[in-house]
Protein backbone atom coordinates (compact mmCIF):
# COMPACT_ATOMS: atom_id res chain seq x y z
CA MET A 1 0.00 0.00 0.00
CA LYS A 2 1.43 3.36 -1.05
CA LYS A 3 1.50 6.14 1.55
CA ALA A 4 0.94 9.83 0.81
CA LEU A 5 1.24 12.96 2.93
CA ILE A 6 -0.88 15.94 1.91
CA THR A 7 -0.43 19.42 3.33
CA GLY A 8 -3.51 21.58 2.89
CA ILE A 9 -5.76 18.50 2.97
CA THR A 10 -8.72 20.48 4.34
CA GLY A 11 -8.68 22.86 1.38
CA GLN A 12 -10.53 22.50 -1.90
CA THR A 13 -7.75 20.82 -3.88
CA GLY A 14 -6.51 18.80 -0.92
CA SER A 15 -9.94 17.27 -0.37
CA TYR A 16 -10.30 16.20 -4.01
CA LEU A 17 -6.76 14.81 -4.03
CA ALA A 18 -7.38 12.88 -0.79
CA GLU A 19 -10.51 11.35 -2.33
CA LEU A 20 -8.57 10.32 -5.43
CA LEU A 21 -5.75 8.72 -3.44
CA VAL A 22 -8.12 6.87 -1.10
CA ASP A 23 -9.93 5.48 -4.15
CA LYS A 24 -6.58 4.31 -5.51
CA GLY A 25 -5.83 2.40 -2.31
CA TYR A 26 -3.33 4.78 -0.71
CA LYS A 27 -2.88 5.19 3.02
CA VAL A 28 -3.42 8.95 3.21
CA PHE A 29 -2.01 11.27 5.88
CA GLY A 30 -3.08 14.88 6.08
CA LEU A 31 -1.19 17.69 7.77
CA ILE A 32 -3.45 20.09 9.66
CA ARG A 33 -2.80 23.14 11.80
CA ARG A 34 -4.16 23.05 15.33
CA ALA A 35 -7.22 25.30 15.72
CA SER A 36 -9.77 25.84 18.49
CA VAL A 37 -12.51 25.15 15.95
CA GLU A 38 -11.98 22.24 13.55
CA ARG A 39 -12.72 22.94 9.87
CA HIS A 40 -13.02 19.54 8.27
CA GLU A 41 -16.17 20.08 6.18
CA ARG A 42 -14.52 19.24 2.87
CA ILE A 43 -13.10 15.94 4.11
CA SER A 44 -15.83 14.93 6.60
CA HIS A 45 -16.99 12.09 4.32
CA ILE A 46 -13.55 10.44 4.29
CA LEU A 47 -12.32 11.19 7.83
CA ASP A 48 -12.55 7.51 8.75
CA LYS A 49 -10.29 6.62 5.80
CA ILE A 50 -7.42 9.07 6.40
CA THR A 51 -5.02 9.91 9.23
CA LEU A 52 -4.60 13.53 10.32
CA LEU A 53 -1.31 14.77 11.76
CA GLN A 54 -0.78 18.12 13.46
CA GLY A 55 1.85 20.34 11.93
CA ASP A 56 2.54 23.77 10.50
CA LEU A 57 4.57 25.04 7.56
CA LEU A 58 5.99 27.65 9.93
CA ASP A 59 7.40 24.99 12.26
CA GLN A 60 10.30 22.90 10.94
CA TYR A 61 10.21 20.30 13.73
CA SER A 62 6.53 19.50 13.19
CA LEU A 63 7.19 18.83 9.48
CA ILE A 64 10.08 16.52 10.30
CA GLU A 65 7.82 14.64 12.72
CA ALA A 66 5.02 14.43 10.14
CA VAL A 67 7.36 12.92 7.55
CA LYS A 68 8.78 10.55 10.14
CA LYS A 69 5.34 9.32 11.25
CA SER A 70 3.84 8.99 7.78
CA ASN A 71 6.97 7.63 6.04
CA PRO A 72 5.42 8.70 2.72
CA ASP A 73 6.10 7.49 -0.80
CA GLU A 74 4.60 10.75 -2.08
CA VAL A 75 4.27 14.23 -0.53
CA TYR A 76 1.84 16.77 -1.95
CA ASN A 77 2.48 20.31 -0.71
CA LEU A 78 -0.80 22.16 -1.29
CA ALA A 79 -0.83 24.30 1.88
CA ALA A 80 -0.28 28.04 1.46
CA GLN A 81 -1.76 31.46 2.11
CA SER A 82 -3.47 31.32 -1.27
CA PHE A 83 -5.82 34.31 -1.47
CA VAL A 84 -4.20 37.02 -3.59
CA PRO A 85 -5.91 40.08 -1.97
CA THR A 86 -4.82 38.86 1.49
CA SER A 87 -1.23 38.68 0.26
CA TRP A 88 -1.28 42.46 -0.12
CA ASN A 89 -2.48 42.90 3.47
CA GLN A 90 -0.18 40.22 4.92
CA PRO A 91 2.81 40.01 2.58
CA VAL A 92 5.31 38.78 5.16
CA LEU A 93 3.04 36.01 6.46
CA THR A 94 2.29 35.02 2.86
CA ALA A 95 6.03 34.73 2.21
CA GLU A 96 6.55 32.61 5.32
CA PHE A 97 3.84 30.10 4.39
CA THR A 98 3.93 30.15 0.60
CA SER A 99 7.67 30.38 -0.02
CA VAL A 100 9.79 29.56 3.05
CA GLY A 101 7.25 26.89 4.03
CA VAL A 102 8.17 25.00 0.86
CA THR A 103 11.83 25.01 1.91
CA ARG A 104 10.93 23.66 5.35
CA MET A 105 8.91 20.84 3.77
CA LEU A 106 11.74 19.99 1.36
CA GLU A 107 14.24 19.97 4.22
CA ALA A 108 12.03 17.61 6.22
CA ILE A 109 11.88 15.23 3.26
CA ARG A 110 15.62 15.52 2.55
CA LEU A 111 16.44 14.66 6.16
CA MET A 112 13.85 11.95 6.81
CA LYS A 113 12.68 10.39 3.49
CA LYS A 114 14.80 11.58 0.61
CA ASP A 115 13.37 9.04 -1.84
CA ALA A 116 9.80 10.35 -1.40
CA LYS A 117 8.35 11.96 -4.51
CA PHE A 118 7.40 15.61 -3.95
CA TYR A 119 4.73 17.75 -5.58
CA GLN A 120 4.76 21.54 -5.21
CA ALA A 121 1.55 23.45 -5.92
CA SER A 122 2.81 26.24 -8.14
CA SER A 123 0.45 28.83 -9.64
CA SER A 124 -0.44 30.66 -12.84
CA GLU A 125 -0.11 33.85 -10.76
CA MET A 126 3.64 33.44 -11.22
CA PHE A 127 3.20 34.50 -14.86
CA GLY A 128 1.37 37.69 -13.85
CA ALA A 129 2.00 40.43 -16.41
CA THR A 130 3.82 38.28 -18.94
CA GLU A 131 3.27 39.35 -22.54
CA GLU A 132 3.32 35.78 -23.89
CA SER A 133 -0.05 34.07 -24.29
CA PRO A 134 -0.87 31.30 -23.76
CA GLN A 135 1.66 30.48 -21.05
CA ASN A 136 3.67 27.26 -21.00
CA GLU A 137 6.56 25.77 -19.00
CA ARG A 138 9.08 28.07 -20.74
CA THR A 139 7.18 31.33 -20.25
CA ARG A 140 9.01 33.96 -18.20
CA PHE A 141 7.58 34.71 -14.76
CA HIS A 142 6.43 38.26 -13.95
CA PRO A 143 4.34 38.00 -10.75
CA ARG A 144 2.07 40.92 -9.83
CA SER A 145 1.29 40.21 -6.17
CA PRO A 146 3.13 39.12 -3.01
CA TYR A 147 1.38 35.75 -3.47
CA GLY A 148 2.74 35.39 -7.00
CA VAL A 149 6.24 36.36 -5.86
CA ALA A 150 6.10 33.81 -3.03
CA LYS A 151 4.99 31.09 -5.46
CA VAL A 152 7.94 31.87 -7.74
CA TYR A 153 10.28 31.26 -4.79
CA GLY A 154 8.47 27.98 -4.04
CA TYR A 155 8.84 26.93 -7.66
CA TRP A 156 12.57 27.62 -7.86
CA ILE A 157 13.45 26.10 -4.47
CA THR A 158 11.68 22.93 -5.63
CA VAL A 159 13.75 22.91 -8.82
CA ASN A 160 16.90 23.69 -6.83
CA TYR A 161 16.45 20.75 -4.45
CA ARG A 162 15.72 18.48 -7.43
CA GLU A 163 18.95 19.48 -9.15
CA SER A 164 21.11 19.73 -6.02
CA TYR A 165 20.00 16.64 -4.08
CA ASP A 166 18.69 14.39 -6.88
CA MET A 167 15.19 14.45 -5.39
CA PHE A 168 12.03 13.56 -7.32
CA ASN A 169 10.42 17.01 -7.21
CA CYS A 170 7.67 18.26 -9.52
CA ASN A 171 6.01 21.64 -9.92
CA GLY A 172 2.42 21.72 -11.09
CA ILE A 173 1.73 25.20 -12.47
CA LEU A 174 -2.03 25.06 -12.07
CA PHE A 175 -4.30 27.72 -13.50
CA ASN A 176 -7.47 28.67 -11.61
CA HIS A 177 -9.30 25.55 -10.50
CA GLU A 178 -12.76 25.84 -9.01
CA SER A 179 -15.57 23.69 -7.59
CA PRO A 180 -18.47 23.80 -5.13
CA ARG A 181 -15.77 23.45 -2.44
CA ARG A 182 -14.02 26.68 -3.44
CA GLY A 183 -13.73 29.28 -0.65
CA LEU A 184 -16.41 31.97 -0.64
CA GLU A 185 -13.78 34.70 -0.97
CA PHE A 186 -12.74 33.60 -4.48
CA VAL A 187 -14.54 35.31 -7.35
CA THR A 188 -16.14 32.23 -8.93
CA ARG A 189 -17.68 31.12 -5.64
CA LYS A 190 -18.49 34.71 -4.70
CA VAL A 191 -20.56 34.93 -7.88
CA THR A 192 -22.30 31.54 -7.66
CA ASN A 193 -23.11 32.03 -3.98
CA ALA A 194 -24.56 35.48 -4.70
CA VAL A 195 -26.66 34.04 -7.55
CA ALA A 196 -28.06 31.44 -5.17
CA MET A 197 -28.83 34.06 -2.50
CA ILE A 198 -30.51 36.40 -5.00
CA LYS A 199 -32.50 33.52 -6.49
CA LEU A 200 -33.73 32.54 -3.02
CA GLY A 201 -34.55 36.13 -2.02
CA MET A 202 -31.70 36.39 0.49
CA ALA A 203 -29.77 39.19 -1.30
CA ASP A 204 -30.37 41.81 -3.98
CA GLU A 205 -26.92 42.79 -5.29
CA LEU A 206 -23.36 41.63 -5.86
CA LEU A 207 -20.33 43.92 -5.59
CA LEU A 208 -17.35 43.00 -7.78
CA GLY A 209 -14.11 44.55 -8.97
CA ASN A 210 -12.70 44.40 -12.50
CA LEU A 211 -15.26 42.64 -14.73
CA GLU A 212 -12.81 42.58 -17.65
CA ALA A 213 -10.16 40.50 -15.84
CA ARG A 214 -9.77 37.20 -17.69
CA ARG A 215 -8.77 33.79 -16.36
CA ASP A 216 -8.43 30.16 -17.40
CA TRP A 217 -10.92 28.43 -15.06
CA GLY A 218 -11.19 24.63 -14.74
CA PHE A 219 -12.63 22.00 -12.41
CA ALA A 220 -10.50 21.10 -9.38
CA GLY A 221 -11.62 17.48 -9.60
CA ASP A 222 -9.98 17.25 -13.03
CA TYR A 223 -6.78 18.94 -11.93
CA VAL A 224 -5.96 16.57 -9.05
CA LYS A 225 -5.71 13.76 -11.61
CA ALA A 226 -2.91 15.70 -13.31
CA ILE A 227 -1.24 16.27 -9.94
CA TRP A 228 -1.21 12.53 -9.21
CA LEU A 229 0.01 11.66 -12.71
CA MET A 230 3.07 13.90 -12.32
CA LEU A 231 4.38 11.70 -9.50
CA GLN A 232 3.75 8.49 -11.45
CA GLN A 233 6.28 9.35 -14.17
CA ASP A 234 9.79 7.87 -14.44
CA LYS A 235 11.42 11.30 -14.23
CA PRO A 236 10.45 14.45 -12.29
CA ASP A 237 9.42 17.48 -14.31
CA ASP A 238 7.25 20.61 -14.24
CA TYR A 239 3.88 20.94 -15.96
CA VAL A 240 1.37 23.68 -16.80
CA ILE A 241 -2.22 22.57 -16.14
CA GLY A 242 -5.26 24.44 -17.48
CA THR A 243 -8.08 24.33 -20.00
CA GLY A 244 -6.56 26.57 -22.68
CA GLU A 245 -9.68 28.77 -22.62
CA MET A 246 -9.92 32.28 -21.21
CA HIS A 247 -13.10 33.83 -19.82
CA SER A 248 -13.79 37.22 -18.24
CA VAL A 249 -15.45 37.88 -14.90
CA LYS A 250 -18.29 39.38 -16.94
CA GLU A 251 -18.74 36.07 -18.80
CA LEU A 252 -18.69 34.27 -15.46
CA CYS A 253 -21.55 36.49 -14.27
CA GLU A 254 -23.50 36.03 -17.52
CA VAL A 255 -23.32 32.22 -17.30
CA ALA A 256 -24.10 32.01 -13.58
CA PHE A 257 -27.00 34.48 -13.51
CA SER A 258 -28.62 33.31 -16.77
CA TYR A 259 -28.52 29.70 -15.55
CA ALA A 260 -30.70 30.83 -12.61
CA GLY A 261 -33.01 32.77 -14.95
CA LEU A 262 -31.58 36.16 -13.96
CA ASN A 263 -29.91 39.08 -15.78
CA TYR A 264 -26.56 39.87 -14.17
CA GLU A 265 -26.81 43.56 -15.17
CA ASP A 266 -29.73 43.95 -12.76
CA TYR A 267 -27.67 42.85 -9.75
CA VAL A 268 -23.91 43.26 -10.31
CA LYS A 269 -22.30 46.54 -9.30
CA VAL A 270 -18.63 47.45 -9.75
CA ASP A 271 -16.83 48.61 -6.62
CA LYS A 272 -13.29 49.96 -7.10
CA ALA A 273 -12.45 48.74 -3.59
CA PHE A 274 -12.24 45.23 -5.04
CA TYR A 275 -9.66 46.14 -7.70
CA ARG A 276 -6.16 44.74 -7.19
CA PRO A 277 -3.25 47.17 -6.68
CA ALA A 278 -1.65 45.51 -9.73
CA GLU A 279 -4.03 43.61 -11.97
CA VAL A 280 -3.26 40.42 -13.86
CA ASP A 281 -5.19 40.81 -17.08
CA LYS A 282 -4.79 37.67 -19.16
CA LEU A 283 -3.87 34.20 -18.00
CA MET A 284 -4.39 31.18 -20.27
CA ALA A 285 -2.66 27.80 -20.13
CA ASP A 286 -0.84 25.93 -22.84
CA SER A 287 -1.06 22.38 -21.39
CA SER A 288 0.20 20.58 -24.48
CA LYS A 289 3.11 19.06 -22.54
CA ALA A 290 0.77 17.60 -19.89
CA ARG A 291 -1.56 16.29 -22.59
CA LYS A 292 1.34 14.60 -24.40
CA VAL A 293 3.42 13.28 -21.48
CA LEU A 294 0.76 12.67 -18.81
CA GLY A 295 -2.13 11.88 -21.13
CA TRP A 296 -4.23 14.40 -19.20
CA LYS A 297 -7.03 16.64 -20.42
CA PRO A 298 -9.92 18.43 -18.66
CA SER A 299 -13.36 16.82 -18.78
CA VAL A 300 -15.61 19.59 -17.37
CA SER A 301 -16.30 22.70 -19.49
CA PHE A 302 -16.42 26.26 -18.14
CA LYS A 303 -20.22 26.39 -18.49
CA GLU A 304 -20.67 22.99 -16.82
CA LEU A 305 -18.39 24.06 -13.96
CA ILE A 306 -20.27 27.27 -13.22
CA GLU A 307 -23.65 25.57 -13.46
CA MET A 308 -22.43 22.83 -11.10
CA MET A 309 -21.40 25.49 -8.59
CA VAL A 310 -24.69 27.40 -8.85
CA ASP A 311 -26.66 24.19 -8.29
CA ALA A 312 -24.55 23.30 -5.24
CA ASP A 313 -24.92 26.77 -3.69
CA ILE A 314 -28.69 26.84 -4.21
CA GLU A 315 -29.01 23.37 -2.65
CA ARG A 316 -26.79 24.34 0.30
CA LEU A 317 -28.74 27.53 1.05
CA LYS A 318 -32.08 25.78 0.68
CA ASN A 319 -31.02 23.30 3.35
CA LYS A 320 -30.06 26.17 5.66
CA LYS A 321 -33.44 27.91 5.39
């Protein structure tokens, strides 16, 4: 039985990855931070099939202990301070978790289980203001937020340990991946939740920032398959993962509201307070390498994804009423 250690297991991507690995017969360990209130909603249905270990990316010793206890064949580092607007308000904390935290995890593996395969959750935000579109594994990084900068560090320290210590380290440069489990602070979920509330008479408007910002949005359940496939290869490498389609926030609103029989123009209002200090205008993935080497491709379309999320939010709020 293979063993895997997942940091960030209680997050959206971590929960989908844990499901996938459990289904494949892995013994799954999840690293969680101690909190006075447990937040295990996303993994509640598999809690009896996984083992949770306390630890923190800010604490080197706890990571060493986690690796020692789990003795993993594979380590998936998904934990980070991952909300871009928060990275502007807490840039130093973002750097500690999202960049230096990667080094601590790599050090724990190097010291305790050097033959473990390692996956680092890199991000399309590393590309930022790049002029090349679509972006692939050779595209120059030009991050436009403290989060993006921290992810660039995490990317290069992963490459550095691979080249310096002959470790099996992979970077997955994932573009925006969404689902009904996405945090409410992220724009896709902010929109679909607002649509559900407006549809059920619980709200009458939605405040958003730049409606012209464009992203490559895919389904998180698809993307964790690519993550797993990276660590099943004979050689470690880095891969861009995305749909290859770009959609604006305005299109997101059009699809979500029209699916609920509403006109987004009647409810959406632009508030400059939600604009980023430095906007990332156009991000779109060129995943041809992943398609060729990993045999991966997305299965859920943008429209299907947004409709799935609207349905889930309406159902959730109905059950709360």
